[in-house]
Protein backbone atom coordinates (compact mmCIF):
# COMPACT_ATOMS: atom_id res chain seq x y z
CA MET A 1 0.00 0.00 0.00
CA ASN A 2 1.35 3.38 -1.00
CA GLU A 3 0.53 6.44 1.12
CA ASN A 4 1.80 9.80 0.05
CA SER A 5 0.27 11.90 2.78
CA PRO A 6 1.78 11.04 6.16
CA ARG A 7 0.95 14.53 7.36
CA THR A 8 -2.70 13.52 7.72
CA GLU A 9 -1.80 11.57 10.83
CA GLN A 10 -0.87 14.77 12.62
CA ARG A 11 -4.24 16.47 12.28
CA GLY A 12 -7.62 16.03 13.91
CA VAL A 13 -9.61 16.57 10.72
CA SER A 14 -7.48 16.23 7.62
CA PRO A 15 -8.06 18.33 4.49
CA ALA A 16 -8.79 15.05 2.71
CA ALA A 17 -11.65 14.28 5.14
CA LEU A 18 -13.13 17.76 4.64
CA LEU A 19 -12.91 17.44 0.85
CA VAL A 20 -14.46 13.97 0.84
CA ALA A 21 -17.27 15.20 3.12
CA GLY A 22 -17.94 18.07 0.72
CA ALA A 23 -18.08 15.67 -2.23
CA PHE A 24 -20.39 13.40 -0.27
CA PHE A 25 -22.69 16.33 0.42
CA MET A 26 -22.84 17.20 -3.28
CA GLU A 27 -23.64 13.58 -4.16
CA PHE A 28 -26.21 12.98 -1.41
CA LEU A 29 -27.88 16.34 -2.02
CA ASP A 30 -28.25 15.57 -5.71
CA GLY A 31 -30.12 12.39 -4.85
CA THR A 32 -32.76 14.27 -2.81
CA VAL A 33 -32.97 17.78 -4.24
CA ILE A 34 -34.83 16.78 -7.43
CA ALA A 35 -37.86 15.40 -5.55
CA THR A 36 -39.65 18.77 -5.41
CA ALA A 37 -38.58 19.64 -8.98
CA LEU A 38 -40.21 16.63 -10.64
CA PRO A 39 -43.46 18.42 -11.66
CA ASP A 40 -41.55 21.23 -13.41
CA MET A 41 -39.19 18.75 -15.05
CA ALA A 42 -42.14 16.70 -16.27
CA THR A 43 -43.66 19.82 -17.84
CA SER A 44 -40.39 20.52 -19.67
CA PHE A 45 -40.26 16.97 -21.00
CA GLY A 46 -43.98 16.82 -21.80
CA VAL A 47 -44.68 13.79 -19.59
CA GLN A 48 -46.43 12.97 -16.32
CA ALA A 49 -44.38 13.55 -13.17
CA VAL A 50 -44.61 9.87 -12.22
CA ALA A 51 -42.71 9.00 -15.41
CA LEU A 52 -39.61 10.70 -13.99
CA ASN A 53 -39.40 8.32 -11.04
CA VAL A 54 -37.37 6.13 -13.38
CA GLY A 55 -34.62 8.75 -13.17
CA ILE A 56 -34.39 8.26 -9.40
CA SER A 57 -34.59 4.48 -9.74
CA ALA A 58 -31.90 4.40 -12.44
CA TYR A 59 -29.57 6.41 -10.21
CA LEU A 60 -30.11 4.14 -7.19
CA ILE A 61 -29.70 0.95 -9.21
CA THR A 62 -26.45 2.20 -10.77
CA LEU A 63 -25.12 2.86 -7.29
CA ALA A 64 -26.20 -0.61 -6.20
CA VAL A 65 -24.39 -2.31 -9.10
CA LEU A 66 -21.08 -0.45 -8.92
CA ILE A 67 -20.52 0.06 -5.19
CA PRO A 68 -19.43 -3.60 -4.62
CA ALA A 69 -16.75 -3.19 -7.32
CA SER A 70 -15.48 0.14 -5.97
CA GLY A 71 -12.98 -1.44 -3.57
CA TRP A 72 -11.26 -3.44 -6.32
CA ILE A 73 -11.20 -0.40 -8.64
CA ALA A 74 -9.61 1.81 -5.95
CA ASP A 75 -7.05 -0.86 -5.03
CA ARG A 76 -6.06 -1.38 -8.66
CA PHE A 77 -5.91 2.20 -9.94
CA GLY A 78 -5.38 4.24 -6.77
CA ALA A 79 -7.79 6.23 -4.60
CA ARG A 80 -6.65 9.65 -5.81
CA ARG A 81 -7.12 8.83 -9.49
CA ILE A 82 -10.49 7.11 -9.03
CA PHE A 83 -11.90 9.73 -6.66
CA SER A 84 -10.91 12.52 -9.07
CA LEU A 85 -12.37 10.55 -12.00
CA ALA A 86 -15.60 10.00 -10.05
CA LEU A 87 -15.89 13.75 -9.44
CA ALA A 88 -15.28 14.43 -13.14
CA ILE A 89 -17.94 11.91 -14.22
CA PHE A 90 -20.45 13.27 -11.71
CA THR A 91 -19.82 16.89 -12.75
CA LEU A 92 -20.02 16.15 -16.48
CA ALA A 93 -23.21 14.16 -16.01
CA SER A 94 -24.67 17.09 -14.03
CA VAL A 95 -24.13 19.36 -17.03
CA PHE A 96 -25.91 16.95 -19.36
CA CYS A 97 -28.75 16.38 -16.87
CA GLY A 98 -29.33 20.14 -16.86
CA LEU A 99 -29.27 20.24 -20.68
CA ALA A 100 -31.56 17.21 -21.13
CA THR A 101 -34.59 17.73 -23.39
CA SER A 102 -36.18 14.27 -23.08
CA VAL A 103 -36.85 11.65 -20.44
CA ASP A 104 -34.59 9.12 -22.17
CA GLY A 105 -31.68 11.55 -22.28
CA PHE A 106 -32.22 12.51 -18.65
CA VAL A 107 -32.30 8.88 -17.48
CA ALA A 108 -29.11 8.09 -19.43
CA MET A 109 -27.30 10.97 -17.72
CA ARG A 110 -28.63 9.92 -14.30
CA ILE A 111 -27.07 6.52 -14.91
CA LEU A 112 -23.79 8.25 -15.74
CA GLN A 113 -24.16 10.33 -12.59
CA GLY A 114 -24.76 7.17 -10.59
CA THR A 115 -21.49 5.78 -11.95
CA GLY A 116 -19.62 8.75 -10.53
CA GLY A 117 -21.52 8.60 -7.24
CA ALA A 118 -20.92 4.86 -6.81
CA LEU A 119 -17.15 5.42 -6.99
CA MET A 120 -17.08 8.73 -5.14
CA VAL A 121 -18.56 7.71 -1.79
CA PRO A 122 -16.82 4.39 -0.95
CA VAL A 123 -13.46 5.35 -2.50
CA GLY A 124 -13.44 8.69 -0.69
CA ARG A 125 -14.28 7.02 2.62
CA LEU A 126 -11.59 4.39 2.05
CA ALA A 127 -8.94 7.08 1.45
CA VAL A 128 -9.83 8.72 4.76
CA LEU A 129 -10.09 5.46 6.74
CA ARG A 130 -6.69 4.21 5.60
CA THR A 131 -4.86 7.41 6.48
CA THR A 132 -6.55 8.27 9.79
CA PRO A 133 -5.03 7.02 13.07
CA LYS A 134 -7.43 5.08 15.30
CA HIS A 135 -7.53 7.77 17.98
CA GLN A 136 -8.69 10.37 15.41
CA LEU A 137 -11.25 8.10 13.75
CA ILE A 138 -14.26 9.51 15.63
CA THR A 139 -13.60 13.02 14.36
CA ALA A 140 -12.98 11.81 10.81
CA ILE A 141 -16.13 9.67 10.70
CA ALA A 142 -18.21 12.48 12.23
CA THR A 143 -16.99 14.70 9.39
CA LEU A 144 -17.93 12.08 6.78
CA THR A 145 -21.39 11.29 8.19
CA TRP A 146 -22.91 14.76 8.33
CA PRO A 147 -23.69 14.89 4.57
CA ALA A 148 -25.83 11.73 4.78
CA LEU A 149 -27.77 13.27 7.67
CA VAL A 150 -28.12 16.81 6.37
CA ALA A 151 -28.69 16.37 2.63
CA PRO A 152 -32.03 14.46 2.86
CA ILE A 153 -33.39 17.18 5.16
CA ILE A 154 -32.41 20.33 3.24
CA GLY A 155 -32.59 18.78 -0.25
CA PRO A 156 -36.37 19.04 -0.86
CA PRO A 157 -36.76 22.67 0.34
CA LEU A 158 -33.63 23.70 -1.55
CA GLY A 159 -34.95 22.03 -4.70
CA GLY A 160 -38.24 23.84 -4.28
CA PHE A 161 -36.48 27.19 -3.82
CA ILE A 162 -34.28 26.76 -6.92
CA THR A 163 -37.22 25.58 -9.01
CA SER A 164 -39.44 28.46 -7.85
CA TYR A 165 -36.95 31.30 -8.31
CA ALA A 166 -34.71 30.04 -11.12
CA SER A 167 -35.17 26.78 -13.07
CA TRP A 168 -34.96 23.10 -12.26
CA ARG A 169 -31.90 22.95 -14.56
CA TRP A 170 -29.89 24.95 -12.03
CA ILE A 171 -30.23 22.07 -9.59
CA PHE A 172 -27.67 20.33 -11.80
CA PHE A 173 -25.71 23.34 -13.10
CA ILE A 174 -24.84 24.39 -9.54
CA ASN A 175 -22.72 21.22 -9.26
CA VAL A 176 -20.34 22.39 -12.01
CA PRO A 177 -18.22 25.01 -10.15
CA LEU A 178 -18.29 22.87 -7.01
CA GLY A 179 -17.23 19.78 -8.94
CA LEU A 180 -14.39 21.54 -10.77
CA LEU A 181 -13.02 22.96 -7.52
CA ALA A 182 -13.27 19.53 -5.86
CA ILE A 183 -11.35 17.89 -8.74
CA VAL A 184 -8.47 20.37 -8.41
CA LEU A 185 -8.30 19.85 -4.65
CA ALA A 186 -8.60 16.05 -4.94
CA LEU A 187 -5.56 15.86 -7.24
CA ARG A 188 -3.58 17.76 -4.60
CA ILE A 189 -4.66 16.33 -1.25
CA ILE A 190 -6.27 12.88 -1.66
CA PRO A 191 -3.64 10.24 -0.75
CA ASP A 192 -2.63 7.94 -3.59
CA ILE A 193 -3.29 4.67 -1.77
CA ARG A 194 -3.57 1.40 -3.66
CA ASP A 195 -3.07 -2.34 -3.23
CA GLU A 196 0.13 -3.50 -4.89
CA SER A 197 -0.94 -7.18 -4.95
CA ARG A 198 -2.86 -6.74 -8.25
CA ARG A 199 -5.64 -9.19 -7.43
CA PRO A 200 -7.73 -10.31 -10.43
CA PHE A 201 -11.26 -9.01 -10.98
CA ASP A 202 -13.91 -11.34 -9.57
CA LEU A 203 -16.36 -11.52 -12.48
CA PRO A 204 -18.68 -14.22 -10.99
CA GLY A 205 -18.85 -12.28 -7.73
CA PHE A 206 -19.56 -9.04 -9.58
CA VAL A 207 -22.37 -10.58 -11.62
CA ALA A 208 -23.93 -12.23 -8.55
CA THR A 209 -23.81 -9.05 -6.44
CA SER A 210 -25.13 -7.00 -9.37
CA VAL A 211 -28.14 -9.29 -9.81
CA ALA A 212 -28.72 -9.32 -6.05
CA MET A 213 -28.46 -5.56 -5.60
CA VAL A 214 -30.51 -4.65 -8.68
CA SER A 215 -33.25 -7.11 -7.74
CA LEU A 216 -33.41 -6.04 -4.09
CA VAL A 217 -33.22 -2.29 -4.75
CA TYR A 218 -35.81 -2.44 -7.55
CA ALA A 219 -38.07 -4.67 -5.45
CA MET A 220 -37.94 -2.12 -2.62
CA GLU A 221 -38.54 0.72 -5.08
CA THR A 222 -41.61 -0.93 -6.64
CA LEU A 223 -42.99 -2.04 -3.27
CA GLY A 224 -42.53 1.42 -1.77
CA ALA A 225 -43.98 3.21 -4.79
CA GLY A 226 -46.91 0.82 -5.00
CA HIS A 227 -46.91 0.71 -8.81
CA ALA A 228 -46.29 -3.02 -9.22
CA ARG A 229 -48.17 -6.15 -8.24
CA LEU A 230 -47.11 -7.79 -5.01
CA SER A 231 -46.11 -10.91 -6.98
CA VAL A 232 -43.59 -8.85 -8.98
CA SER A 233 -41.99 -7.44 -5.83
CA LEU A 234 -41.88 -10.88 -4.19
CA GLY A 235 -40.37 -12.38 -7.34
CA LEU A 236 -37.64 -9.74 -7.37
CA PHE A 237 -36.97 -10.25 -3.66
CA THR A 238 -36.68 -14.02 -4.21
CA LEU A 239 -34.26 -13.54 -7.10
CA GLY A 240 -32.26 -11.02 -5.11
CA ILE A 241 -31.97 -13.24 -2.05
CA ALA A 242 -30.99 -16.27 -4.16
CA ALA A 243 -28.28 -14.24 -5.92
CA PHE A 244 -27.15 -12.85 -2.57
CA LEU A 245 -26.80 -16.33 -1.04
CA PHE A 246 -24.87 -17.51 -4.10
CA ALA A 247 -22.57 -14.49 -3.81
CA VAL A 248 -21.89 -15.18 -0.12
CA ARG A 249 -21.08 -18.82 -0.89
CA HIS A 250 -18.80 -17.72 -3.73
CA PHE A 251 -16.99 -15.11 -1.60
CA ARG A 252 -16.22 -17.73 1.04
CA ARG A 253 -14.68 -20.13 -1.49
CA ALA A 254 -13.03 -17.92 -4.12
CA ALA A 255 -9.29 -17.32 -4.03
CA TRP A 256 -9.71 -13.64 -4.98
CA PRO A 257 -13.26 -12.60 -4.02
CA MET A 258 -14.56 -9.13 -4.78
CA ILE A 259 -15.60 -8.82 -1.14
CA ARG A 260 -13.89 -10.73 1.65
CA LEU A 261 -16.16 -11.53 4.57
CA ASP A 262 -13.35 -11.69 7.13
CA ALA A 263 -14.53 -8.45 8.75
CA LEU A 264 -17.74 -10.20 9.84
CA GLN A 265 -15.61 -12.12 12.35
CA ILE A 266 -14.92 -8.82 14.13
CA PRO A 267 -17.72 -8.33 16.71
CA THR A 268 -17.86 -4.53 16.44
CA PHE A 269 -18.09 -4.59 12.64
CA ARG A 270 -20.65 -7.41 12.63
CA VAL A 271 -22.95 -5.63 15.12
CA THR A 272 -22.84 -2.31 13.28
CA LEU A 273 -23.48 -4.05 9.96
CA TYR A 274 -26.52 -6.04 11.10
CA GLY A 275 -28.21 -3.94 13.80
CA GLY A 276 -26.72 -0.75 12.38
CA SER A 277 -28.39 -1.42 9.03
CA LEU A 278 -31.80 -1.57 10.73
CA PHE A 279 -31.06 1.75 12.43
CA ARG A 280 -29.97 3.35 9.15
CA ALA A 281 -33.12 2.02 7.47
CA ALA A 282 -35.30 3.50 10.23
CA ILE A 283 -33.75 6.98 10.12
CA SER A 284 -33.82 6.95 6.30
CA ALA A 285 -37.60 6.82 6.54
CA VAL A 286 -37.79 10.05 8.58
CA PRO A 287 -37.15 12.56 5.73
CA PHE A 288 -39.74 10.63 3.72
CA LEU A 289 -42.43 10.53 6.42
CA LEU A 290 -42.17 13.98 8.03
CA PRO A 291 -43.09 16.07 4.95
CA LEU A 292 -45.99 13.70 4.23
CA LEU A 293 -47.23 13.97 7.82
CA PHE A 294 -47.17 17.77 7.74
CA GLN A 295 -48.44 18.33 4.19
CA VAL A 296 -50.83 15.43 3.54
CA GLY A 297 -51.77 14.60 7.11
CA PHE A 298 -52.00 18.11 8.60
CA GLY A 299 -52.65 20.15 5.42
CA MET A 300 -49.60 22.43 5.68
CA ASP A 301 -48.12 24.12 2.64
CA PRO A 302 -44.68 22.88 1.46
CA PHE A 303 -42.84 26.00 2.68
CA HIS A 304 -43.98 25.79 6.31
CA ALA A 305 -43.59 22.01 6.36
CA GLY A 306 -40.03 22.43 5.09
CA LEU A 307 -39.23 24.97 7.79
CA LEU A 308 -40.36 22.54 10.49
CA VAL A 309 -38.28 19.70 9.04
CA LEU A 310 -35.22 21.97 9.09
CA ALA A 311 -35.29 21.63 12.90
CA VAL A 312 -33.95 18.10 12.40
CA PHE A 313 -31.04 19.53 10.41
CA VAL A 314 -30.27 22.04 13.18
CA GLY A 315 -30.19 19.19 15.70
CA ASN A 316 -27.85 17.18 13.47
CA LEU A 317 -25.49 20.12 13.12
CA THR A 318 -25.33 21.54 16.64
CA ILE A 319 -24.53 18.25 18.38
CA LYS A 320 -21.52 17.47 16.17
CA PRO A 321 -18.92 19.16 18.44
CA ALA A 322 -20.20 17.22 21.46
CA THR A 323 -20.29 13.78 19.79
CA THR A 324 -16.61 12.92 20.27
CA PRO A 325 -16.55 13.90 23.99
CA LEU A 326 -19.72 11.86 24.54
CA ILE A 327 -18.18 8.76 22.97
CA ARG A 328 -14.98 9.18 25.00
CA TRP A 329 -16.99 9.68 28.22
CA LEU A 330 -19.52 6.86 27.87
CA GLY A 331 -17.82 4.42 25.50
CA PHE A 332 -19.52 2.99 22.45
CA ARG A 333 -21.69 0.33 24.08
CA LYS A 334 -23.29 2.54 26.73
CA LEU A 335 -23.71 5.45 24.32
CA LEU A 336 -25.38 3.37 21.60
CA LEU A 337 -27.77 1.76 24.09
CA ILE A 338 -28.80 5.00 25.85
CA ASN A 339 -28.93 7.11 22.72
CA GLY A 340 -30.59 4.27 20.80
CA MET A 341 -33.51 4.32 23.22
CA LEU A 342 -33.70 8.09 22.91
CA ASN A 343 -33.95 7.63 19.12
CA VAL A 344 -36.84 5.21 19.59
CA LEU A 345 -38.61 7.68 21.89
CA ALA A 346 -38.03 10.53 19.41
CA LEU A 347 -39.67 8.48 16.65
CA LEU A 348 -42.59 7.60 18.91
CA ALA A 349 -42.96 11.28 19.81
CA CYS A 350 -43.66 12.05 16.14
CA ALA A 351 -46.69 9.77 16.39
CA TRP A 352 -48.15 12.10 19.03
CA LEU A 353 -47.93 15.24 16.91
CA THR A 354 -51.26 16.77 15.89
CA PRO A 355 -52.28 19.87 13.87
CA SER A 356 -52.93 21.63 17.19
CA THR A 357 -49.52 20.84 18.72
CA PRO A 358 -47.79 24.15 19.52
CA VAL A 359 -45.12 24.98 16.96
CA TRP A 360 -42.44 25.35 19.62
CA VAL A 361 -43.18 21.86 20.94
CA THR A 362 -42.92 20.39 17.44
CA LEU A 363 -39.64 22.22 16.82
CA VAL A 364 -38.13 21.01 20.12
CA MET A 365 -39.17 17.41 19.42
CA LEU A 366 -37.74 17.47 15.90
CA TYR A 367 -34.56 19.20 17.09
CA LEU A 368 -33.95 16.56 19.76
CA GLY A 369 -34.71 13.84 17.21
CA GLY A 370 -31.99 15.33 15.00
CA VAL A 371 -29.56 15.37 17.93
CA PHE A 372 -30.12 11.70 18.83
CA ARG A 373 -30.08 10.67 15.17
CA SER A 374 -26.73 12.37 14.57
CA ILE A 375 -25.05 10.87 17.64
CA GLN A 376 -26.20 7.35 16.81
CA PHE A 377 -25.24 7.62 13.15
CA THR A 378 -21.72 8.80 14.01
CA GLY A 379 -21.32 6.21 16.76
CA VAL A 380 -22.39 3.29 14.55
CA SER A 381 -20.30 4.43 11.57
CA THR A 382 -17.18 4.91 13.72
CA LEU A 383 -17.48 1.66 15.66
CA ALA A 384 -17.82 -0.25 12.40
CA PHE A 385 -14.16 0.42 11.54
CA ALA A 386 -12.74 0.73 15.05
CA ASP A 387 -11.23 -2.77 15.15
CA VAL A 388 -10.76 -3.45 11.42
CA PRO A 389 -7.07 -3.98 10.53
CA SER A 390 -5.66 -1.77 7.78
CA GLY A 391 -5.24 -4.74 5.43
CA GLN A 392 -8.98 -5.55 5.62
CA MET A 393 -10.18 -1.94 5.38
CA SER A 394 -10.91 -2.00 1.64
CA TYR A 395 -13.10 -5.12 1.86
CA ALA A 396 -14.82 -3.92 5.05
CA ASN A 397 -15.52 -0.52 3.50
CA THR A 398 -17.03 -2.11 0.38
CA LEU A 399 -19.24 -4.38 2.48
CA PHE A 400 -20.32 -1.48 4.69
CA SER A 401 -21.09 0.76 1.68
CA THR A 402 -23.17 -1.98 0.05
CA ALA A 403 -25.17 -2.57 3.24
CA THR A 404 -25.70 1.18 3.66
CA GLN A 405 -27.08 1.52 0.12
CA LEU A 406 -29.54 -1.30 0.75
CA ALA A 407 -30.54 0.19 4.11
CA VAL A 408 -31.36 3.57 2.55
CA GLY A 409 -33.59 1.92 -0.04
CA LEU A 410 -35.17 -0.25 2.63
CA GLY A 411 -35.90 2.82 4.77
CA ILE A 412 -38.10 4.46 2.13
CA THR A 413 -39.87 1.13 1.60
CA LEU A 414 -40.44 0.70 5.34
CA GLY A 415 -41.90 4.19 5.49
CA ALA A 416 -44.33 3.39 2.65
CA ILE A 417 -45.24 0.04 4.22
CA GLY A 418 -45.76 1.76 7.56
CA ILE A 419 -48.23 4.18 5.97
CA ARG A 420 -50.18 1.31 4.41
CA LEU A 421 -50.25 -0.59 7.70
CA GLY A 422 -51.36 2.61 9.41
CA GLU A 423 -54.25 2.92 6.95
CA LYS A 424 -55.33 -0.67 7.66
CA VAL A 425 -55.14 -0.18 11.43
CA ALA A 426 -57.03 3.12 11.21
CA GLU A 427 -59.79 1.47 9.18
CA GLY A 428 -59.97 -1.53 11.50
CA PHE A 429 -60.29 0.57 14.65
CA ALA A 430 -62.39 3.37 13.08
CA LEU A 431 -59.66 5.97 13.52
CA THR A 432 -59.76 7.42 10.01
CA THR A 433 -61.13 10.78 11.22
CA ILE A 434 -57.94 11.49 13.21
CA PRO A 435 -55.72 13.85 11.16
CA GLY A 436 -52.60 12.16 9.78
CA ILE A 437 -53.28 8.91 11.63
CA SER A 438 -51.73 6.62 8.99
CA PHE A 439 -48.50 8.65 8.98
CA ARG A 440 -48.40 8.79 12.77
CA LEU A 441 -48.79 5.03 13.01
CA ALA A 442 -46.00 4.66 10.43
CA PHE A 443 -43.67 6.36 12.93
CA VAL A 444 -44.63 3.72 15.51
CA PHE A 445 -43.74 1.05 12.97
CA ILE A 446 -40.27 2.43 12.19
CA ALA A 447 -39.66 3.04 15.91
CA LEU A 448 -40.10 -0.70 16.43
CA ILE A 449 -37.62 -1.34 13.58
CA CYS A 450 -35.14 0.98 15.29
CA LEU A 451 -35.68 -0.87 18.59
CA ALA A 452 -35.03 -4.22 16.89
CA GLY A 453 -31.73 -2.83 15.58
CA MET A 454 -30.57 -2.29 19.16
CA VAL A 455 -30.68 -5.98 20.09
CA ASP A 456 -27.25 -6.61 18.56
CA THR A 457 -25.77 -3.77 20.62
CA LEU A 458 -26.44 -5.74 23.81
CA THR A 459 -23.85 -8.31 22.67
CA LEU A 460 -21.04 -5.75 22.55
CA ALA A 461 -18.32 -5.97 25.17
CA LYS A 462 -18.04 -3.03 27.57
CA GLU A 463 -14.65 -2.10 26.09
CA ALA A 464 -15.83 -2.35 22.46
CA GLY A 465 -14.01 0.19 20.29
CA SER A 466 -11.81 1.39 23.15
CA SER A 467 -8.85 1.83 20.78
CA VAL A 468 -10.88 4.61 19.16
CA SER A 469 -12.87 5.99 22.10
CA ARG A 470 -9.86 5.81 24.47
CA LYS A 471 -12.28 5.10 27.29
CA ALA A 472 -10.63 3.32 30.19
CA ARG A 473 -11.61 -0.32 30.50
């Protein structure tokens, strides 16, 4: 492994971590900001707004296919080169998305954008993980996680603002100066790490994971959107699970697998992958459910609903400086258990909101929810790599990135399923006259999912992750 930036070990937050976080924010924001622009885009293309959902699906599926291969690509060609190339692809695709005049052209460019995004996120994280000392890992991971927390919250209102006062095309054009600046900086400060062993490309593993990821992501998309028969979704889930099981069997037997599963033998990584994925799925449903609760359930206009949801963003942001001291004070196990329960309570609190709830009460509840969400997200993401040896970091990062992508897709699906279950419960108990009841019951559903994700945390040792937290045993 070649590392050209030893200076990064002397700093709390390296320039590379800040640059990667900025690129992450651009990529995550782009995935959420177009939601409110779909009606205007549909008018430009002369189609129904629902027809543009394929653009979102194409982007997600491209990510799902290429993320498992990102570790091998970075090891072979070097993190600096691939990260810079990913930025270039993403920026170029943004230009063409903004210039698109048809749905087909737009979808093709979203696929190209997904190619850049699939390489950008895991390769950027890998570059930071491999060059950050264990005792500085909490700060580095906290820097890398804020885009995933913030972008889904501010994306929809930002998209609505740009669309209202400029044009939906500027949602994509705004990436150009940011992308060009990021490319210049990446070529200067991203470490040129790579694996000198030159392992061969695992084609069977790539095909199996591609089939599994495409099937599972598309099944979750169709189930959540409700535009396919249940038999189609179940068929895709069955195919995806079969391909996934084949891939796991192949990875355990192949001499040069695309993804080594050795990291699953590390208790801290295993817990954060399994239970952590349920947590990530649960919080991924929040940006989907809150606007629906306020707008559809309570009859608010998009602007005021967006302002309320921004309270979650404020909570995410203001707690960041305190996250590292909290982890060092409590240790990972105690923090994740206490804060995990607070996350569950914050989700349940959303089920008690009504149109007559005072605004200040709603803001405080959403703010605290953002605080707990941010702490848990940083804690889980840091603990995942706390005990992973440097030689296994590439494989562990690829596995973690793949699980995260599935969890995000699952979160939106769980939110949609929760709404449907809420409708059934409301009808069965004659509660349909209660404003927003189906959305409120959906929050109860995802709170239970979040609670289930905490079970694994109970198996952690008291000193889990102590090399990172530096908490005395």
